[in-house]
Each structure stands twice: as structure tokens, then as C-alpha cells.
Protein backbone atom coordinates (compact mmCIF):
# COMPACT_ATOMS: atom_id res chain seq x y z
CA MET A 1 88.74 96.14 137.26
CA GLY A 2 92.02 97.09 135.53
CA ILE A 3 94.58 94.36 134.92
CA GLU A 4 97.11 95.79 137.38
CA LYS A 5 94.50 96.30 140.09
CA GLY A 6 93.23 92.78 139.53
CA ILE A 7 96.70 91.24 139.74
CA PHE A 8 97.34 92.67 143.19
CA GLN A 9 93.81 92.61 144.60
CA ARG A 10 94.54 89.85 147.12
CA THR A 11 97.85 91.42 148.16
CA GLN A 12 96.14 94.76 148.66
CA LEU A 13 93.41 93.09 150.70
CA LEU A 14 96.04 91.83 153.14
CA LEU A 15 98.60 94.64 153.14
CA GLY A 16 96.62 97.70 152.07
CA LYS A 17 96.66 100.15 149.17
CA SER A 18 99.65 102.10 150.49
CA PHE A 19 101.78 98.95 150.37
CA ILE A 20 100.91 98.39 146.71
CA GLU A 21 101.82 102.00 145.93
CA ARG A 22 105.17 101.77 147.74
CA ALA A 23 106.07 98.38 146.23
CA ALA A 24 105.46 99.74 142.73
CA GLU A 25 108.11 102.40 143.34
CA LYS A 26 110.79 100.13 144.83
CA ARG A 27 113.92 99.34 142.87
CA VAL A 28 115.32 95.85 143.42
CA ILE A 29 118.34 94.13 141.87
CA ILE A 30 119.00 90.39 142.03
CA PHE A 31 122.45 89.00 141.29
CA GLY A 32 122.14 85.40 140.14
CA ILE A 33 118.82 84.05 138.87
CA GLY A 34 119.42 80.35 139.40
CA GLY A 35 117.49 78.14 141.78
CA VAL A 36 117.27 80.86 144.43
CA GLY A 37 117.19 84.06 142.41
CA SER A 38 114.65 83.02 139.78
CA TRP A 39 111.97 82.12 142.33
CA CYS A 40 112.75 85.24 144.33
CA ALA A 41 112.29 87.36 141.22
CA GLU A 42 108.88 85.90 140.39
CA SER A 43 107.67 86.22 143.99
CA LEU A 44 108.65 89.89 144.01
CA ILE A 45 106.88 90.66 140.74
CA ARG A 46 103.76 88.82 141.90
CA SER A 47 103.92 90.92 145.08
CA GLY A 48 103.88 94.23 143.21
CA ILE A 49 107.54 95.24 142.90
CA GLY A 50 107.58 97.67 140.01
CA HIS A 51 111.27 97.90 139.10
CA LEU A 52 113.44 94.79 139.00
CA THR A 53 116.92 94.25 137.57
CA ILE A 54 118.05 90.65 137.04
CA VAL A 55 121.74 89.86 136.53
CA ASP A 56 123.10 86.52 135.30
CA SER A 57 125.54 85.53 132.52
CA ASP A 58 124.34 81.97 132.07
CA ARG A 59 122.17 80.12 129.58
CA VAL A 60 119.67 77.47 130.62
CA CYS A 61 121.29 74.05 131.03
CA ILE A 62 119.34 70.80 131.06
CA THR A 63 120.58 70.23 134.64
CA ASN A 64 118.80 73.44 135.70
CA ILE A 65 115.36 71.94 135.05
CA ASN A 66 115.04 70.32 138.47
CA ARG A 67 115.17 73.65 140.35
CA GLN A 68 115.19 76.83 138.25
CA LEU A 69 111.95 78.60 137.45
CA MET A 70 112.56 79.38 133.78
CA ALA A 71 114.30 76.09 132.96
CA THR A 72 112.27 73.67 130.84
CA THR A 73 113.06 71.34 127.97
CA GLN A 74 111.91 74.18 125.69
CA THR A 75 114.31 76.79 127.10
CA VAL A 76 117.57 74.79 127.25
CA GLY A 77 120.30 76.84 125.57
CA LYS A 78 118.45 80.16 125.88
CA VAL A 79 119.78 83.12 127.84
CA LYS A 80 118.38 82.90 131.38
CA THR A 81 117.74 86.62 131.76
CA ASP A 82 115.83 86.72 128.45
CA VAL A 83 113.59 83.79 129.38
CA LEU A 84 112.89 85.00 132.91
CA LYS A 85 112.18 88.57 131.80
CA ALA A 86 109.60 87.31 129.30
CA ARG A 87 107.87 85.28 132.01
CA LEU A 88 107.86 88.14 134.50
CA LEU A 89 106.32 90.50 131.95
CA GLU A 90 103.56 87.96 131.32
CA ILE A 91 102.75 88.27 135.03
CA ASN A 92 102.85 92.07 135.13
CA PRO A 93 103.28 93.75 131.73
CA LYS A 94 103.67 97.14 133.40
CA ALA A 95 106.67 96.15 135.50
CA GLU A 96 110.06 97.55 134.51
CA ILE A 97 112.35 94.54 134.10
CA ILE A 98 115.98 95.23 133.25
CA ASP A 99 117.86 92.10 132.20
CA LEU A 100 121.66 92.06 132.21
CA GLN A 101 123.47 89.02 130.84
CA MET A 102 126.56 89.67 132.89
CA ILE A 103 128.66 88.42 135.77
CA TYR A 104 129.04 90.69 138.80
CA SER A 105 132.74 91.03 139.55
CA PRO A 106 135.16 93.46 141.22
CA GLU A 107 136.14 94.69 137.76
CA ASN A 108 132.64 95.76 136.67
CA SER A 109 130.93 96.35 140.02
CA GLU A 110 130.68 100.14 139.65
CA MET A 111 128.55 99.91 136.51
CA PHE A 112 125.66 98.41 138.51
CA LYS A 113 125.19 101.64 140.51
CA LEU A 114 124.21 99.81 143.68
CA ASP A 115 123.38 103.08 145.43
CA SER A 116 120.40 103.53 143.10
CA TYR A 117 118.51 100.52 144.53
CA ASP A 118 116.27 100.10 147.54
CA PHE A 119 117.02 96.37 147.84
CA ILE A 120 120.03 94.33 146.73
CA ILE A 121 119.74 90.53 146.68
CA ASP A 122 122.67 88.14 146.48
CA GLY A 123 122.12 84.78 144.81
CA ILE A 124 125.69 84.44 143.53
CA ASP A 125 127.56 81.11 143.48
CA SER A 126 131.09 82.37 142.85
CA LEU A 127 132.82 82.83 146.21
CA SER A 128 135.08 85.72 145.24
CA ASN A 129 132.31 87.66 143.52
CA LYS A 130 129.90 86.96 146.39
CA ILE A 131 132.40 88.35 148.90
CA HIS A 132 132.91 91.49 146.83
CA LEU A 133 129.15 92.03 146.45
CA ILE A 134 128.63 91.60 150.19
CA GLN A 135 131.27 94.20 150.96
CA SER A 136 130.01 96.62 148.31
CA ALA A 137 126.28 96.28 149.00
CA THR A 138 126.68 96.73 152.75
CA LYS A 139 128.29 100.12 152.14
CA THR A 140 125.18 101.44 150.38
CA ASN A 141 121.90 102.71 151.81
CA ALA A 142 120.06 99.77 150.23
CA THR A 143 118.69 96.90 152.27
CA PHE A 144 120.79 93.84 151.45
CA PHE A 145 119.81 90.17 151.70
CA SER A 146 122.06 87.20 150.90
CA SER A 147 121.40 83.53 150.24
CA MET A 148 123.75 80.93 151.58
CA GLY A 149 124.02 77.55 149.81
CA ALA A 150 120.80 75.64 149.09
CA ALA A 151 122.49 72.49 147.76
CA LEU A 152 122.93 69.29 149.82
CA LYS A 153 119.70 69.98 151.73
CA MET A 154 116.22 68.48 151.72
CA ASP A 155 114.50 69.40 155.01
CA PRO A 156 112.49 72.62 154.55
CA THR A 157 111.86 72.94 158.30
CA ARG A 158 115.55 73.72 158.80
CA ILE A 159 115.56 76.87 156.67
CA LYS A 160 116.42 79.85 158.86
CA VAL A 161 117.01 83.60 158.72
CA ALA A 162 119.78 85.22 160.73
CA GLU A 163 122.21 88.11 160.68
CA PHE A 164 125.32 87.17 158.71
CA TRP A 165 127.68 87.01 161.68
CA LYS A 166 125.23 84.82 163.60
CA VAL A 167 124.64 82.16 160.93
CA GLU A 168 125.41 78.76 162.47
CA GLY A 169 125.86 75.32 160.94
CA CYS A 170 126.34 76.57 157.38
CA PRO A 171 129.73 75.74 155.78
CA LEU A 172 129.40 78.49 153.17
CA GLY A 173 128.58 81.06 155.84
CA ALA A 174 131.63 80.00 157.84
CA ILE A 175 133.95 80.35 154.84
CA LEU A 176 132.50 83.74 153.92
CA ARG A 177 132.85 85.10 157.45
CA LYS A 178 136.45 83.93 157.72
CA ARG A 179 137.48 85.52 154.43
CA ILE A 180 135.50 88.71 154.89
CA LYS A 181 136.90 89.20 158.39
CA LYS A 182 140.43 89.00 156.96
CA ILE A 183 139.75 91.78 154.46
CA GLY A 184 138.03 94.25 156.76
CA GLY A 185 134.53 93.00 157.47
CA THR A 186 131.26 94.39 156.14
CA GLY A 187 129.87 97.88 155.94
CA LYS A 188 126.74 97.09 157.96
CA LYS A 189 124.83 94.11 159.25
CA PHE A 190 122.56 92.15 156.91
CA MET A 191 120.24 89.16 157.00
CA CYS A 192 120.88 85.79 155.35
CA VAL A 193 118.72 82.82 154.45
CA TYR A 194 120.42 79.51 155.22
CA SER A 195 119.98 75.97 156.52
CA ASP A 196 122.11 74.11 159.05
CA GLU A 197 121.44 70.82 157.23
CA PHE A 198 124.38 69.32 155.35
CA LEU A 199 123.97 66.08 153.41
CA GLN A 200 126.39 64.10 151.26
CA ASN A 201 125.96 63.32 147.58
CA LYS A 202 124.87 59.70 147.12
CA GLY A 203 125.10 59.65 143.35
CA GLU A 204 127.95 60.16 140.92
CA ASN A 205 128.39 63.26 138.78
CA ASP A 206 127.79 62.44 135.11
CA SER A 207 127.91 65.99 133.77
CA CYS A 208 124.55 66.71 132.15
CA GLY A 209 123.48 63.09 132.15
CA THR A 210 123.50 62.85 128.36
CA ASP A 211 125.95 61.58 125.77
CA LYS A 212 126.26 65.10 124.45
CA CYS A 213 125.87 68.08 126.76
CA MET A 214 123.04 70.34 125.59
CA CYS A 215 124.50 73.36 127.37
CA PRO A 216 126.35 75.94 125.24
CA LYS A 217 130.05 76.10 125.94
CA SER A 218 131.80 79.25 127.15
CA THR A 219 132.26 81.86 124.45
CA HIS A 220 133.64 85.36 124.36
CA GLY A 221 132.04 87.54 121.74
CA PRO A 222 134.26 90.17 120.06
CA GLY A 223 133.38 93.66 121.19
CA ASP A 224 131.14 92.37 123.97
CA PRO A 225 133.41 91.37 126.87
CA ASP A 226 130.55 91.26 129.33
CA LEU A 227 128.10 89.26 127.25
CA VAL A 228 129.57 85.87 128.00
CA ASP A 229 127.71 82.56 127.74
CA HIS A 230 128.85 80.30 130.57
CA GLU A 231 128.35 76.56 130.83
CA TRP A 232 129.12 76.21 134.51
CA CYS A 233 129.06 72.38 134.60
CA SER A 234 132.60 72.16 133.24
CA LEU A 235 133.88 75.17 135.18
CA LYS A 236 132.86 74.30 138.74
CA ALA A 237 135.39 72.52 140.91
CA LYS A 238 132.60 70.46 142.45
CA ILE A 239 128.91 70.06 141.67
CA ASN A 240 126.55 69.23 144.53
CA GLY A 241 123.12 67.68 144.38
CA THR A 242 120.05 69.85 144.86
CA THR A 243 116.35 69.21 145.43
CA SER A 244 113.69 71.01 143.43
CA TYR A 245 112.13 72.84 146.34
CA MET A 246 114.95 73.97 148.67
CA PRO A 247 116.44 76.68 146.39
CA ALA A 248 112.91 77.90 145.62
CA MET A 249 112.12 78.16 149.33
CA PHE A 250 115.35 80.09 149.93
CA GLY A 251 114.37 82.51 147.16
CA MET A 252 110.80 82.92 148.35
CA THR A 253 112.03 83.50 151.89
CA ILE A 254 114.20 86.37 150.67
CA ALA A 255 111.23 87.77 148.74
CA GLY A 256 109.26 87.59 151.97
CA LEU A 257 111.95 89.59 153.77
CA VAL A 258 111.71 92.29 151.11
CA ILE A 259 107.92 92.43 151.34
CA GLN A 260 108.03 92.58 155.15
CA ALA A 261 110.55 95.42 155.01
CA ILE A 262 108.29 97.43 152.70
CA GLU A 263 105.22 96.71 154.83
CA LYS A 264 107.00 97.91 157.97
CA GLU A 265 107.62 101.32 156.38
CA ASP A 266 103.96 102.09 156.98
CA CYS A 267 104.06 101.21 160.67
């Protein structure tokens, strides 16, 4: 049994050979490979997706270890896209993994060629960039999925999937809808993963919890305006607490939506 056939033998048993063939041809791009995006990426590669682009400007911070797939004490300070790509290729060496250490923004959005993808996945934290991606992605022919906030939550039974305009009980969803409505709405409907649970932080923010932060500070390399290393701890207006499993479950739920969409093509 060849390595690729062996990897997907159980998936093929459930979903059939034609699914494996279609998944291998699909082109997926994930914006943001933090707690949600990193687990989504691995689930997709383990499910047979053959072409995956991962986009994130950040390096691994010690505070990422509680929830991000590629974050360990051995990877702190390393570029997230580099570390995750290496892991994904260990799972399926034949997969095409394109890693872009960049931030999606209105200024560089055209370079991502969103129309060339079958699936676009939003795991972005930045509100302004998230809004722009939502508006841009919903004007393409790609299927678009978005993650709402996974912080301040701990009950996995309250994770839900709904069309963006029907998301209820999610503060981030409410803010996004209000702002997007003011600037013209979306190009088409799309599904979101969210939770209506909203807890309060009980602890105090102590940065990275060490006397000296192990995260690299923001730099701007000459000649490489897009290759920026961001240490988001000092840049965020507010940092919220997060469990280990909730972001992962958000990401795996989105991966499940992608797999279901591909499976339905054969129906």
C-alpha cells in the first residue's frame, strides 16, 4: 500500500474514492493560523486536501502554547507558517503547502488572488482586516467560511454554525454585522462558526507571564515590507483568556464544513 493511499484509507472507506480524488484537487486558503486556523489546517491535510495556502505574519509566542497546534517550548520565536508547513508535510509529503508570512489587508488583498481558490477560510483577529476579507471573499466563486471569536468560552456544547446574518449571542458577530451593513453588506451569504457563551476574565493580564517576554518584537525588514514579525501581545488593545480546546474545536468544525461541502458534490 502506497504512503498516500495508506494515509487516507480510513477516509476513503467512509467517503469513497471519488471524494479522495476531488479533495486532492481542491485549493484552500486559510487566513490566520492561530488557535482556530492551525487546527483547521491540520484537519484539512489529514482529510486529503491537496493544495493549502496558510497566511500569517506572526511568530510563535510562549502564550500560544495553550491553544495553537504548532506552538511548543521548542518553537517559541519561530515563524508560525514555517513551523506549521513542516508539520503538515510530515503528515502528507505530497501536499502542496504554500506558506505566506504576511498580514491580509486592504492594501495587499489583490495579491492573494482569492478567485483562484475553491475555499477561503477566515481566522483573522484584526477587525478591519476581517471585515475587508469578508467583503472580498463573498464576491468570489469560492466557498467562504468564517470563525467568530473563540476566546472567553469553555463550553464545547455551545459551539454552533449559522449563516452570518443569523448568528446570535456573539459580540464579535454583532460588531461585524453592524459595520459591514454600514459599508454595503456582503457579496453573498456565508456560514460562520461561533458560540453564544461569553465569560469574563478572572485573572490579570501579565503579558507573557515571564520577567522577559520570549516573543520577538515587531520589526520591519528593509526591502521586505510584507515580511513583518509581529508580537501581538503588546499591540492588542485587550487580551482575553482562552481554553486549549475551544479554538481547536472551532477550527475543526470549519474543516468539517469544507469536507461536507466536497462530499456533497458527489450527491
